[in-house]
N, C-alpha and C. Protein backbone atom coordinates (compact mmCIF):
# COMPACT_ATOMS: atom_id res chain seq x y z
N MET A 1 40.13 59.03 148.97
CA MET A 1 40.81 59.59 150.13
C MET A 1 42.19 58.94 150.32
N THR A 2 42.25 57.63 150.09
CA THR A 2 43.53 56.92 150.22
C THR A 2 44.57 57.52 149.28
N ALA A 3 44.15 57.79 148.04
CA ALA A 3 45.08 58.35 147.06
C ALA A 3 45.57 59.73 147.48
N GLY A 4 44.65 60.57 147.97
CA GLY A 4 45.02 61.93 148.36
C GLY A 4 45.99 61.96 149.53
N ILE A 5 45.69 61.17 150.56
CA ILE A 5 46.56 61.12 151.74
C ILE A 5 47.93 60.55 151.38
N SER A 6 47.93 59.49 150.58
CA SER A 6 49.19 58.87 150.19
C SER A 6 50.04 59.82 149.36
N LEU A 7 49.40 60.55 148.45
CA LEU A 7 50.14 61.51 147.62
C LEU A 7 50.71 62.64 148.48
N LEU A 8 49.95 63.07 149.47
CA LEU A 8 50.44 64.12 150.36
C LEU A 8 51.67 63.64 151.13
N LEU A 9 51.63 62.40 151.61
CA LEU A 9 52.79 61.84 152.32
C LEU A 9 53.98 61.67 151.39
N VAL A 10 53.71 61.27 150.14
CA VAL A 10 54.79 61.14 149.15
C VAL A 10 55.48 62.49 148.95
N ALA A 11 54.68 63.54 148.83
CA ALA A 11 55.24 64.88 148.62
C ALA A 11 56.09 65.31 149.81
N LEU A 12 55.60 65.08 151.02
CA LEU A 12 56.30 65.52 152.22
C LEU A 12 57.56 64.69 152.48
N LEU A 13 57.42 63.37 152.48
CA LEU A 13 58.55 62.50 152.77
C LEU A 13 59.58 62.52 151.65
N GLY A 14 59.08 62.46 150.40
CA GLY A 14 59.99 62.49 149.26
C GLY A 14 60.73 63.81 149.17
N GLY A 15 60.00 64.90 149.44
CA GLY A 15 60.64 66.20 149.42
C GLY A 15 61.73 66.31 150.46
N PHE A 16 61.43 65.84 151.68
CA PHE A 16 62.43 65.87 152.75
C PHE A 16 63.66 65.05 152.37
N GLY A 17 63.44 63.81 151.94
CA GLY A 17 64.56 62.92 151.62
C GLY A 17 65.42 63.46 150.50
N TYR A 18 64.79 63.91 149.42
CA TYR A 18 65.57 64.36 148.26
C TYR A 18 66.28 65.68 148.56
N LEU A 19 65.61 66.58 149.26
CA LEU A 19 66.24 67.87 149.55
C LEU A 19 67.44 67.71 150.48
N VAL A 20 67.34 66.77 151.43
CA VAL A 20 68.46 66.52 152.33
C VAL A 20 69.65 65.99 151.56
N VAL A 21 69.39 64.97 150.72
CA VAL A 21 70.48 64.32 149.99
C VAL A 21 71.06 65.24 148.92
N ALA A 22 70.20 65.79 148.08
CA ALA A 22 70.68 66.52 146.90
C ALA A 22 71.02 67.99 147.18
N ASP A 23 70.30 68.61 148.09
CA ASP A 23 70.50 70.04 148.30
C ASP A 23 71.34 70.38 149.53
N ARG A 24 71.13 69.65 150.62
CA ARG A 24 71.84 70.01 151.84
C ARG A 24 73.22 69.36 151.95
N LEU A 25 73.32 68.10 151.53
CA LEU A 25 74.57 67.37 151.74
C LEU A 25 75.46 67.31 150.50
N LEU A 26 74.85 67.25 149.32
CA LEU A 26 75.64 67.14 148.09
C LEU A 26 76.26 68.47 147.70
N VAL A 27 77.56 68.44 147.46
CA VAL A 27 78.27 69.59 146.90
C VAL A 27 78.78 69.15 145.53
N VAL A 28 78.16 69.67 144.50
CA VAL A 28 78.45 69.22 143.14
C VAL A 28 79.94 69.32 142.82
N ASP A 29 80.50 68.22 142.34
CA ASP A 29 81.90 68.14 141.91
C ASP A 29 82.91 68.37 143.04
N ASP A 30 82.46 68.23 144.29
CA ASP A 30 83.37 68.35 145.42
C ASP A 30 83.17 67.13 146.31
N ALA A 31 83.92 66.08 146.01
CA ALA A 31 83.76 64.81 146.72
C ALA A 31 84.12 64.92 148.19
N VAL A 32 85.17 65.67 148.50
CA VAL A 32 85.63 65.79 149.88
C VAL A 32 84.58 66.46 150.76
N ARG A 33 84.04 67.57 150.29
CA ARG A 33 83.04 68.28 151.09
C ARG A 33 81.75 67.48 151.20
N THR A 34 81.36 66.79 150.13
CA THR A 34 80.16 65.96 150.18
C THR A 34 80.31 64.85 151.21
N ALA A 35 81.45 64.18 151.19
CA ALA A 35 81.71 63.10 152.15
C ALA A 35 81.73 63.65 153.57
N ALA A 36 82.33 64.81 153.76
CA ALA A 36 82.39 65.42 155.09
C ALA A 36 81.00 65.79 155.58
N ASN A 37 80.17 66.32 154.69
CA ASN A 37 78.81 66.69 155.06
C ASN A 37 78.00 65.47 155.51
N ILE A 38 78.12 64.37 154.76
CA ILE A 38 77.37 63.17 155.09
C ILE A 38 77.87 62.56 156.40
N ALA A 39 79.19 62.52 156.56
CA ALA A 39 79.76 61.97 157.79
C ALA A 39 79.34 62.79 159.01
N ALA A 40 79.23 64.09 158.84
CA ALA A 40 78.85 64.97 159.96
C ALA A 40 77.35 64.95 160.23
N SER A 41 76.57 64.49 159.25
CA SER A 41 75.10 64.45 159.40
C SER A 41 74.58 63.05 159.12
N GLU A 42 75.25 62.06 159.70
CA GLU A 42 74.91 60.66 159.41
C GLU A 42 73.46 60.33 159.75
N THR A 43 73.00 60.78 160.91
CA THR A 43 71.62 60.49 161.31
C THR A 43 70.62 61.09 160.34
N LEU A 44 70.86 62.33 159.94
CA LEU A 44 69.98 62.99 158.98
C LEU A 44 69.98 62.25 157.64
N PHE A 45 71.16 61.81 157.22
CA PHE A 45 71.29 61.08 155.97
C PHE A 45 70.50 59.76 156.04
N ARG A 46 70.61 59.06 157.16
CA ARG A 46 69.87 57.80 157.33
C ARG A 46 68.36 58.05 157.33
N LEU A 47 67.93 59.12 157.98
CA LEU A 47 66.51 59.45 157.98
C LEU A 47 66.02 59.79 156.58
N ALA A 48 66.86 60.46 155.81
CA ALA A 48 66.50 60.81 154.44
C ALA A 48 66.30 59.54 153.61
N ILE A 49 67.21 58.58 153.76
CA ILE A 49 67.09 57.33 153.02
C ILE A 49 65.83 56.58 153.43
N ALA A 50 65.56 56.55 154.73
CA ALA A 50 64.37 55.87 155.23
C ALA A 50 63.10 56.52 154.67
N SER A 51 63.07 57.84 154.63
CA SER A 51 61.90 58.54 154.11
C SER A 51 61.71 58.27 152.62
N LEU A 52 62.80 58.15 151.88
CA LEU A 52 62.70 57.83 150.45
C LEU A 52 62.18 56.41 150.24
N LEU A 53 62.60 55.49 151.09
CA LEU A 53 62.11 54.11 150.98
C LEU A 53 60.60 54.04 151.26
N VAL A 54 60.17 54.78 152.27
CA VAL A 54 58.73 54.83 152.57
C VAL A 54 57.97 55.44 151.39
N THR A 55 58.58 56.45 150.78
CA THR A 55 57.97 57.09 149.61
C THR A 55 57.77 56.09 148.48
N ALA A 56 58.76 55.23 148.26
CA ALA A 56 58.66 54.22 147.19
C ALA A 56 57.50 53.27 147.46
N VAL A 57 57.34 52.87 148.71
CA VAL A 57 56.22 51.99 149.08
C VAL A 57 54.89 52.72 148.86
N LEU A 58 54.84 53.98 149.27
CA LEU A 58 53.61 54.76 149.10
C LEU A 58 53.27 54.97 147.63
N ASP A 59 54.29 55.01 146.77
CA ASP A 59 54.03 55.15 145.34
C ASP A 59 53.22 53.96 144.82
N VAL A 60 53.49 52.78 145.35
CA VAL A 60 52.73 51.59 144.96
C VAL A 60 51.29 51.72 145.46
N VAL A 61 51.14 52.22 146.69
CA VAL A 61 49.79 52.44 147.23
C VAL A 61 49.03 53.45 146.38
N VAL A 62 49.71 54.53 145.99
CA VAL A 62 49.11 55.56 145.14
C VAL A 62 48.68 54.96 143.80
N ALA A 63 49.54 54.14 143.22
CA ALA A 63 49.21 53.51 141.93
C ALA A 63 47.92 52.72 142.04
N TRP A 64 47.79 51.93 143.11
CA TRP A 64 46.59 51.13 143.32
C TRP A 64 45.36 52.02 143.56
N ALA A 65 45.51 53.03 144.42
CA ALA A 65 44.39 53.90 144.77
C ALA A 65 43.89 54.69 143.56
N LEU A 66 44.81 55.22 142.75
CA LEU A 66 44.42 55.96 141.56
C LEU A 66 43.76 55.05 140.53
N PHE A 67 44.23 53.81 140.47
CA PHE A 67 43.60 52.84 139.58
C PHE A 67 42.13 52.66 139.96
N LYS A 68 41.87 52.54 141.27
CA LYS A 68 40.50 52.36 141.73
C LYS A 68 39.64 53.60 141.45
N VAL A 69 40.24 54.78 141.56
CA VAL A 69 39.50 56.01 141.33
C VAL A 69 39.10 56.15 139.87
N PHE A 70 40.01 55.80 138.95
CA PHE A 70 39.77 56.06 137.53
C PHE A 70 39.46 54.81 136.70
N GLU A 71 39.36 53.67 137.35
CA GLU A 71 38.99 52.45 136.62
C GLU A 71 37.66 52.58 135.89
N PRO A 72 36.66 53.27 136.47
CA PRO A 72 35.39 53.42 135.75
C PRO A 72 35.52 54.18 134.43
N VAL A 73 36.55 55.03 134.32
CA VAL A 73 36.75 55.80 133.09
C VAL A 73 37.31 54.90 131.99
N SER A 74 38.35 54.15 132.33
CA SER A 74 38.97 53.21 131.38
C SER A 74 39.84 52.25 132.17
N SER A 75 39.42 51.01 132.21
CA SER A 75 40.18 50.01 132.96
C SER A 75 41.56 49.81 132.35
N GLY A 76 41.64 49.84 131.01
CA GLY A 76 42.90 49.64 130.33
C GLY A 76 43.90 50.75 130.60
N LEU A 77 43.45 52.01 130.43
CA LEU A 77 44.35 53.13 130.67
C LEU A 77 44.74 53.23 132.15
N SER A 78 43.79 52.93 133.02
CA SER A 78 44.08 52.98 134.46
C SER A 78 45.13 51.94 134.84
N THR A 79 45.01 50.76 134.24
CA THR A 79 45.99 49.70 134.49
C THR A 79 47.37 50.10 133.99
N LEU A 80 47.41 50.69 132.79
CA LEU A 80 48.69 51.11 132.22
C LEU A 80 49.32 52.22 133.05
N ALA A 81 48.50 53.18 133.47
CA ALA A 81 49.02 54.27 134.30
C ALA A 81 49.58 53.73 135.61
N ALA A 82 48.85 52.80 136.22
CA ALA A 82 49.31 52.21 137.48
C ALA A 82 50.60 51.43 137.27
N THR A 83 50.69 50.72 136.15
CA THR A 83 51.89 49.93 135.84
C THR A 83 53.12 50.83 135.72
N PHE A 84 52.95 51.97 135.05
CA PHE A 84 54.07 52.91 134.91
C PHE A 84 54.53 53.41 136.28
N ARG A 85 53.58 53.68 137.17
CA ARG A 85 53.97 54.21 138.49
C ARG A 85 54.65 53.13 139.33
N VAL A 86 54.16 51.91 139.26
CA VAL A 86 54.79 50.82 140.00
C VAL A 86 56.20 50.56 139.47
N ALA A 87 56.35 50.60 138.14
CA ALA A 87 57.67 50.41 137.55
C ALA A 87 58.62 51.52 137.98
N TYR A 88 58.10 52.74 138.02
CA TYR A 88 58.90 53.87 138.51
C TYR A 88 59.33 53.64 139.95
N ALA A 89 58.42 53.16 140.78
CA ALA A 89 58.74 52.90 142.19
C ALA A 89 59.85 51.87 142.31
N GLY A 90 59.82 50.86 141.43
CA GLY A 90 60.89 49.85 141.44
C GLY A 90 62.24 50.44 141.10
N ILE A 91 62.27 51.30 140.09
CA ILE A 91 63.53 51.96 139.71
C ILE A 91 63.98 52.90 140.81
N PHE A 92 63.03 53.54 141.48
CA PHE A 92 63.35 54.44 142.58
C PHE A 92 64.05 53.69 143.71
N VAL A 93 63.59 52.46 143.99
CA VAL A 93 64.23 51.64 145.02
C VAL A 93 65.67 51.32 144.63
N VAL A 94 65.88 51.04 143.35
CA VAL A 94 67.24 50.77 142.87
C VAL A 94 68.12 52.01 143.08
N ALA A 95 67.54 53.18 142.81
CA ALA A 95 68.29 54.43 143.02
C ALA A 95 68.64 54.61 144.50
N ILE A 96 67.66 54.35 145.36
CA ILE A 96 67.89 54.50 146.81
C ILE A 96 68.96 53.53 147.28
N ALA A 97 69.04 52.37 146.65
CA ALA A 97 70.06 51.38 147.02
C ALA A 97 71.47 51.95 146.86
N GLN A 98 71.63 52.90 145.95
CA GLN A 98 72.94 53.53 145.79
C GLN A 98 73.30 54.34 147.04
N LEU A 99 72.28 54.89 147.68
CA LEU A 99 72.52 55.66 148.91
C LEU A 99 72.82 54.74 150.08
N THR A 100 72.14 53.60 150.15
CA THR A 100 72.45 52.66 151.22
C THR A 100 73.88 52.13 151.07
N GLY A 101 74.35 52.06 149.83
CA GLY A 101 75.75 51.68 149.60
C GLY A 101 76.71 52.70 150.17
N VAL A 102 76.31 53.97 150.12
CA VAL A 102 77.13 55.04 150.68
C VAL A 102 77.28 54.86 152.19
N LEU A 103 76.24 54.34 152.84
CA LEU A 103 76.29 54.14 154.29
C LEU A 103 77.48 53.27 154.69
N ARG A 104 77.79 52.28 153.87
CA ARG A 104 78.91 51.38 154.19
C ARG A 104 80.25 52.10 154.12
N LEU A 105 80.26 53.24 153.44
CA LEU A 105 81.51 53.98 153.27
C LEU A 105 81.73 55.02 154.37
N LEU A 106 80.72 55.26 155.18
CA LEU A 106 80.80 56.34 156.17
C LEU A 106 81.96 56.22 157.15
N PRO A 107 82.32 55.01 157.63
CA PRO A 107 83.47 54.94 158.54
C PRO A 107 84.76 55.46 157.93
N GLN A 108 84.84 55.42 156.60
CA GLN A 108 86.03 55.92 155.91
C GLN A 108 85.63 56.94 154.85
N ALA A 109 84.63 57.74 155.18
CA ALA A 109 84.05 58.66 154.20
C ALA A 109 85.08 59.59 153.57
N GLU A 110 85.96 60.15 154.39
CA GLU A 110 86.92 61.10 153.84
C GLU A 110 87.92 60.42 152.91
N GLU A 111 88.36 59.22 153.29
CA GLU A 111 89.33 58.49 152.46
C GLU A 111 88.66 57.99 151.17
N LEU A 112 87.38 57.69 151.25
CA LEU A 112 86.66 57.16 150.09
C LEU A 112 85.68 58.19 149.53
N SER A 113 86.05 59.45 149.60
CA SER A 113 85.14 60.52 149.20
C SER A 113 84.69 60.41 147.75
N ALA A 114 85.58 59.96 146.88
CA ALA A 114 85.21 59.83 145.47
C ALA A 114 84.09 58.81 145.28
N GLN A 115 84.15 57.72 146.04
CA GLN A 115 83.12 56.70 145.96
C GLN A 115 81.80 57.20 146.55
N VAL A 116 81.91 58.00 147.60
CA VAL A 116 80.72 58.58 148.20
C VAL A 116 79.99 59.47 147.19
N LEU A 117 80.74 60.35 146.55
CA LEU A 117 80.14 61.25 145.56
C LEU A 117 79.59 60.46 144.38
N SER A 118 80.30 59.40 143.99
CA SER A 118 79.83 58.56 142.89
C SER A 118 78.49 57.91 143.24
N GLY A 119 78.34 57.49 144.49
CA GLY A 119 77.09 56.88 144.92
C GLY A 119 75.93 57.87 144.87
N ILE A 120 76.19 59.11 145.28
CA ILE A 120 75.15 60.14 145.22
C ILE A 120 74.75 60.42 143.78
N HIS A 121 75.75 60.54 142.91
CA HIS A 121 75.47 60.80 141.50
C HIS A 121 74.71 59.63 140.86
N ALA A 122 75.06 58.41 141.26
CA ALA A 122 74.35 57.23 140.73
C ALA A 122 72.88 57.28 141.13
N PHE A 123 72.62 57.67 142.38
CA PHE A 123 71.24 57.82 142.84
C PHE A 123 70.49 58.82 141.95
N GLU A 124 71.10 59.97 141.70
CA GLU A 124 70.44 61.00 140.91
C GLU A 124 70.22 60.56 139.47
N ASP A 125 71.20 59.85 138.90
CA ASP A 125 71.10 59.41 137.51
C ASP A 125 69.98 58.38 137.34
N ILE A 126 69.93 57.40 138.24
CA ILE A 126 68.90 56.36 138.15
C ILE A 126 67.52 56.96 138.41
N TYR A 127 67.46 57.84 139.40
CA TYR A 127 66.20 58.51 139.72
C TYR A 127 65.70 59.31 138.52
N SER A 128 66.61 60.03 137.86
CA SER A 128 66.24 60.82 136.69
C SER A 128 65.71 59.94 135.56
N ALA A 129 66.35 58.79 135.36
CA ALA A 129 65.88 57.87 134.32
C ALA A 129 64.48 57.34 134.66
N GLY A 130 64.25 57.07 135.94
CA GLY A 130 62.94 56.57 136.35
C GLY A 130 61.83 57.58 136.16
N LEU A 131 62.17 58.85 136.18
CA LEU A 131 61.17 59.90 136.02
C LEU A 131 60.53 59.88 134.63
N VAL A 132 61.16 59.21 133.67
CA VAL A 132 60.53 59.04 132.36
C VAL A 132 59.24 58.27 132.53
N LEU A 133 59.31 57.16 133.29
CA LEU A 133 58.12 56.35 133.54
C LEU A 133 57.09 57.14 134.35
N PHE A 134 57.56 57.89 135.33
CA PHE A 134 56.67 58.69 136.14
C PHE A 134 55.96 59.73 135.28
N GLY A 135 56.70 60.30 134.34
CA GLY A 135 56.11 61.29 133.43
C GLY A 135 55.01 60.69 132.59
N PHE A 136 55.23 59.49 132.05
CA PHE A 136 54.20 58.83 131.25
C PHE A 136 52.99 58.47 132.12
N HIS A 137 53.26 58.11 133.38
CA HIS A 137 52.16 57.85 134.31
C HIS A 137 51.27 59.08 134.45
N LEU A 138 51.90 60.25 134.63
CA LEU A 138 51.13 61.47 134.81
C LEU A 138 50.38 61.86 133.53
N MET A 139 50.98 61.63 132.38
CA MET A 139 50.30 61.96 131.13
C MET A 139 49.07 61.09 130.93
N LEU A 140 49.20 59.79 131.23
CA LEU A 140 48.04 58.90 131.14
C LEU A 140 46.98 59.29 132.17
N LEU A 141 47.43 59.66 133.35
CA LEU A 141 46.51 60.10 134.39
C LEU A 141 45.77 61.36 133.93
N GLY A 142 46.50 62.23 133.23
CA GLY A 142 45.87 63.43 132.70
C GLY A 142 44.75 63.09 131.72
N VAL A 143 44.98 62.11 130.88
CA VAL A 143 43.95 61.67 129.93
C VAL A 143 42.73 61.13 130.68
N LEU A 144 42.99 60.34 131.72
CA LEU A 144 41.89 59.77 132.51
C LEU A 144 41.07 60.87 133.19
N VAL A 145 41.76 61.84 133.76
CA VAL A 145 41.07 62.95 134.42
C VAL A 145 40.27 63.75 133.40
N TRP A 146 40.86 63.98 132.23
CA TRP A 146 40.19 64.71 131.16
C TRP A 146 38.89 64.03 130.78
N ARG A 147 38.92 62.69 130.74
CA ARG A 147 37.75 61.92 130.30
C ARG A 147 36.74 61.67 131.41
N ALA A 148 37.15 61.88 132.66
CA ALA A 148 36.26 61.58 133.79
C ALA A 148 35.22 62.69 133.97
N ALA A 149 33.95 62.29 134.03
CA ALA A 149 32.88 63.26 134.20
C ALA A 149 32.92 63.90 135.58
N TYR A 150 33.55 63.22 136.54
CA TYR A 150 33.57 63.71 137.92
C TYR A 150 34.86 64.47 138.27
N ALA A 151 35.68 64.76 137.26
CA ALA A 151 36.94 65.48 137.51
C ALA A 151 37.02 66.71 136.61
N PRO A 152 37.65 67.78 137.09
CA PRO A 152 37.76 69.01 136.28
C PRO A 152 38.71 68.84 135.10
N THR A 153 38.29 69.34 133.97
CA THR A 153 39.08 69.20 132.74
C THR A 153 40.46 69.85 132.88
N PHE A 154 40.51 71.02 133.53
CA PHE A 154 41.78 71.73 133.63
C PHE A 154 42.82 70.91 134.40
N LEU A 155 42.36 70.07 135.33
CA LEU A 155 43.29 69.23 136.08
C LEU A 155 43.95 68.21 135.17
N GLY A 156 43.18 67.67 134.24
CA GLY A 156 43.75 66.73 133.28
C GLY A 156 44.85 67.37 132.45
N ILE A 157 44.62 68.62 132.03
CA ILE A 157 45.61 69.35 131.24
C ILE A 157 46.87 69.59 132.06
N LEU A 158 46.69 70.01 133.32
CA LEU A 158 47.84 70.28 134.19
C LEU A 158 48.66 69.02 134.45
N LEU A 159 47.98 67.90 134.64
CA LEU A 159 48.70 66.64 134.89
C LEU A 159 49.48 66.19 133.65
N ALA A 160 48.88 66.35 132.49
CA ALA A 160 49.57 65.99 131.25
C ALA A 160 50.81 66.86 131.06
N LEU A 161 50.70 68.14 131.37
CA LEU A 161 51.85 69.05 131.26
C LEU A 161 52.92 68.67 132.28
N ALA A 162 52.50 68.30 133.49
CA ALA A 162 53.46 67.89 134.51
C ALA A 162 54.24 66.67 134.06
N GLY A 163 53.52 65.70 133.49
CA GLY A 163 54.18 64.49 132.99
C GLY A 163 55.13 64.81 131.86
N LEU A 164 54.70 65.67 130.95
CA LEU A 164 55.55 66.06 129.82
C LEU A 164 56.82 66.74 130.32
N GLY A 165 56.70 67.53 131.39
CA GLY A 165 57.88 68.20 131.95
C GLY A 165 58.93 67.21 132.41
N TYR A 166 58.50 66.15 133.11
CA TYR A 166 59.45 65.13 133.57
C TYR A 166 60.11 64.40 132.39
N VAL A 167 59.32 64.09 131.39
CA VAL A 167 59.86 63.38 130.23
C VAL A 167 60.88 64.25 129.49
N VAL A 168 60.55 65.51 129.30
CA VAL A 168 61.46 66.44 128.61
C VAL A 168 62.77 66.57 129.38
N ASP A 169 62.68 66.71 130.70
CA ASP A 169 63.88 66.85 131.51
C ASP A 169 64.76 65.61 131.45
N SER A 170 64.14 64.44 131.56
CA SER A 170 64.91 63.19 131.56
C SER A 170 65.63 62.97 130.24
N PHE A 171 64.92 63.19 129.14
CA PHE A 171 65.55 63.03 127.83
C PHE A 171 66.54 64.17 127.56
N GLY A 172 66.26 65.34 128.11
CA GLY A 172 67.17 66.46 127.92
C GLY A 172 68.54 66.19 128.50
N VAL A 173 68.56 65.57 129.69
CA VAL A 173 69.84 65.23 130.32
C VAL A 173 70.62 64.23 129.47
N VAL A 174 69.89 63.31 128.83
CA VAL A 174 70.55 62.29 128.01
C VAL A 174 71.04 62.87 126.69
N LEU A 175 70.25 63.73 126.09
CA LEU A 175 70.55 64.22 124.75
C LEU A 175 71.44 65.46 124.71
N SER A 176 71.54 66.16 125.85
CA SER A 176 72.35 67.39 125.86
C SER A 176 73.25 67.42 127.10
N ALA A 177 74.54 67.55 126.86
CA ALA A 177 75.50 67.55 127.97
C ALA A 177 75.32 68.76 128.88
N GLY A 178 74.83 69.85 128.34
CA GLY A 178 74.68 71.06 129.14
C GLY A 178 73.24 71.37 129.51
N TYR A 179 72.39 70.36 129.48
CA TYR A 179 70.97 70.59 129.74
C TYR A 179 70.75 71.07 131.17
N ALA A 180 70.02 72.17 131.32
CA ALA A 180 69.77 72.70 132.67
C ALA A 180 68.42 73.42 132.76
N LEU A 181 67.49 73.06 131.91
CA LEU A 181 66.20 73.76 131.88
C LEU A 181 65.32 73.44 133.09
N GLU A 182 65.26 72.15 133.49
CA GLU A 182 64.41 71.70 134.61
C GLU A 182 62.98 72.17 134.41
N VAL A 183 62.38 71.73 133.30
CA VAL A 183 61.01 72.11 132.96
C VAL A 183 60.02 71.71 134.06
N ALA A 184 60.28 70.57 134.71
CA ALA A 184 59.35 70.05 135.72
C ALA A 184 59.16 71.00 136.90
N THR A 185 60.14 71.87 137.14
CA THR A 185 60.00 72.82 138.25
C THR A 185 58.91 73.86 137.96
N PHE A 186 58.48 73.95 136.69
CA PHE A 186 57.43 74.89 136.32
C PHE A 186 56.11 74.19 136.01
N THR A 187 56.16 72.89 135.75
CA THR A 187 54.95 72.17 135.32
C THR A 187 54.37 71.24 136.38
N PHE A 188 54.95 71.24 137.57
CA PHE A 188 54.52 70.30 138.60
C PHE A 188 53.19 70.68 139.26
N VAL A 189 52.65 71.84 138.91
CA VAL A 189 51.45 72.36 139.57
C VAL A 189 50.31 71.35 139.57
N GLY A 190 50.18 70.61 138.48
CA GLY A 190 49.10 69.64 138.38
C GLY A 190 49.14 68.60 139.48
N GLU A 191 50.33 68.23 139.92
CA GLU A 191 50.46 67.24 141.00
C GLU A 191 49.91 67.79 142.31
N VAL A 192 50.17 69.06 142.56
CA VAL A 192 49.68 69.69 143.79
C VAL A 192 48.16 69.81 143.75
N VAL A 193 47.63 70.24 142.61
CA VAL A 193 46.18 70.38 142.46
C VAL A 193 45.50 69.02 142.62
N LEU A 194 46.12 67.97 142.09
CA LEU A 194 45.56 66.62 142.21
C LEU A 194 45.43 66.21 143.67
N ILE A 195 46.45 66.51 144.46
CA ILE A 195 46.41 66.15 145.89
C ILE A 195 45.21 66.80 146.57
N PHE A 196 45.04 68.10 146.37
CA PHE A 196 43.95 68.81 147.03
C PHE A 196 42.59 68.37 146.50
N TRP A 197 42.52 68.09 145.19
CA TRP A 197 41.25 67.63 144.62
C TRP A 197 40.85 66.29 145.22
N LEU A 198 41.82 65.39 145.33
CA LEU A 198 41.53 64.07 145.91
C LEU A 198 41.15 64.17 147.38
N LEU A 199 41.82 65.05 148.12
CA LEU A 199 41.50 65.21 149.53
C LEU A 199 40.11 65.81 149.72
N LEU A 200 39.73 66.73 148.85
CA LEU A 200 38.44 67.39 148.97
C LEU A 200 37.29 66.55 148.43
N ARG A 201 37.57 65.81 147.35
CA ARG A 201 36.52 65.04 146.71
C ARG A 201 36.54 63.55 147.07
N GLY A 202 37.59 63.13 147.78
CA GLY A 202 37.79 61.70 148.03
C GLY A 202 36.59 61.00 148.62
N ARG A 203 35.95 61.60 149.59
CA ARG A 203 34.83 60.95 150.28
C ARG A 203 33.61 60.85 149.36
N ARG A 204 33.56 61.70 148.35
CA ARG A 204 32.39 61.70 147.46
C ARG A 204 32.59 60.87 146.20
N LEU A 205 33.78 60.35 146.02
CA LEU A 205 34.04 59.48 144.87
C LEU A 205 33.74 58.04 145.25
N ALA A 206 32.72 57.50 144.72
CA ALA A 206 32.27 56.16 145.10
C ALA A 206 33.32 55.10 144.84
N SER A 207 34.18 55.35 143.83
CA SER A 207 35.16 54.33 143.47
C SER A 207 36.51 54.53 144.15
N THR A 208 36.63 55.54 145.01
CA THR A 208 37.90 55.76 145.70
C THR A 208 38.17 54.63 146.65
N ALA A 209 39.50 54.19 146.70
CA ALA A 209 39.83 53.09 147.60
C ALA A 209 39.70 53.56 149.03
């Protein structure tokens, strides 16, 4: 149950924070408008950063909770999967730090618009790199679910595909200047199914934290 609730909060808070920063306030390749948007929505921007920080903490909780759920399947694989998620959470905090740096620029946002946009792009770049680790976490989790007698096989397949999507996207950005496939937008279904499965089955899993 802990894992399911934590994952649901991660989805809600992380979605809010990222959508505010990347979709509502960021104007790609337009530093002036991006800086103006952030300066005009400072409170919203601060709330977005706070929600992302809470998400990073919850990712550590999720790593621990999922380890407890799947430790009976394989202690080694569960430990490795948890390690990847914790490492991802650490990189995510580093990415968020780029946004807190933008806060210091807000009093002079328009004059320092180039630095503001650079900070947003740095957040996205670091976050994207961290998703490689998150992708491997999901692929290992998929293997654990596949092997677990108390979990549906199709969920393991969906999680492995979701992880592969993140890995493909992260390497695609590095290897191709014009990469724009965003495979993860089509393969994330496994993450959603995992949340509902954990919420529905959580109380009946003896090893759930």
